[in-house]
Amino acid sequence: MTRSLSCVILVAALCSGSAAVSRQSPAPAKARNVIVFLADAGGLPTLNAASIYGHGAPQKLFINTMPHIALSDTSSSSRWVTDSAAGMTAIVTGKRTENGVLAQSDTAVKGRKDGEPLKTILEYAEERGMATGVISNDSVLGATPAACYAHVNDRGNAPEILQQLLHPRVGDGVDVVIGDGLKGVTAAAQAKGAPVDASFRAANLPLFASLDAITPDARRAAVIYDGAFDLDAATERAIEILSRNPRGYFLMVESDVHTSTVLRGLDHVLEIDKTMRHVAERRAADTLMLFTADHSYDFRIRSGKRNEPLFPADTPVDLGKGQETVVTPNVRRDDGHTGEEVLVAAQGPGSERVHGFLANTDLFDIMIQALGWD
């Protein structure tokens, strides 16, 4: 047998074997549900510090156990350092825009000119008859949740954001809304000329006083607090309601982990991490869980020793509040967003697409592909 003929036979055998493996390997399963966990300002330094602060060592978060990871750029359409409005717009629409703008194209000028509306992943889900929800321990009218359902040229235009929450462009709108900011929501409703309860009732989105007050058979519900609430319990209740839709659901869960108030920010990392762990333990294998941050933050561990607390025992709970710069023996915090890449972590159907270096806009495509949509 000639050498060239042997090579041909070898190549054919390899191709045949590859084809056999390909035929035997099942196609990746499609996701029925998607849950996006968004740590607002949750850069890698903040995640690292939260693990050491809460667990005494790095890489002890549930997030650290997720099987697929990547690093994501966070820039907006014209700036290296984004705000939450542009950062979340990129994630949920696949398009970058200007800072301060919610789900409009980069032709928008903040507060002065509208851009083209950009359809969000939540709106695509509504269009397909899925259930949808947003949860935030910041205001439900804040930039991160609002980017999922509103199209405005100024993230501070709360009356218009509320109007679009209650009178959606697509479907019947967000089915479950849980979060903080009751005073602001009440003021926004009054600015539109109606009491807050009546506004939600007219939109067929009943407003309940607490999670426990939600009726057992509810398929749509809003709970808006004036202060802190249990993010884990809220997420579990939301999933229970959304799961009643046989077509699946899209849910966004935000934790505000800005370390402007240092310990509060780190506690919020631990809270969303616990929530993710519990969701992963309880959910079926048909749910894509995706964690990321909209931007990073200027927070660093600069010293410290193993087996010693990251912060002294007498550290005030409001450390950093109203301060531009905080310096302790082990950390330094300057009060501002930063432009480095952030972590993306994922598990469930479609999570294998999370690897390497990504653009923030790629996360939209990953979710769309996981759901099997064109």
Foldseek 3Di string as FASTA:
>chain_A
DDPVVVVVVVVVVVVVVVVVVVVPDDDFAFFLEEEEEAAAQDFPQLQQQLCCQPPQHGLPFLLSVFDFKEWAFQAAPPGLFAHQQQLLLLQFQLAGAHHQWAQFHNVFDAPPGTHHHGQGNQQVCLQVVAAEEEEEQPFCLARNNLSNFHGDRGSPLSLRSLVCQLVPPHHLHHQEYEYEDPVSQQVSVVVVPDGNQVSCVVSVAGEDADLVRDDPQGLGYYHYHHHGDQLLVSVVSNCVNSVVRVSYYYYYYYFHLQCLQPLSSSVSSNRVSVSVVVCVVPDDLSYKYKYKYSFHFAKHFDDDDRPDNQADPPDDSRPNHVDQWDDDPTMIGGRDTDRGIHMMGIHHGLSNVRHYYYYSSVNNVSNCVSNVHD
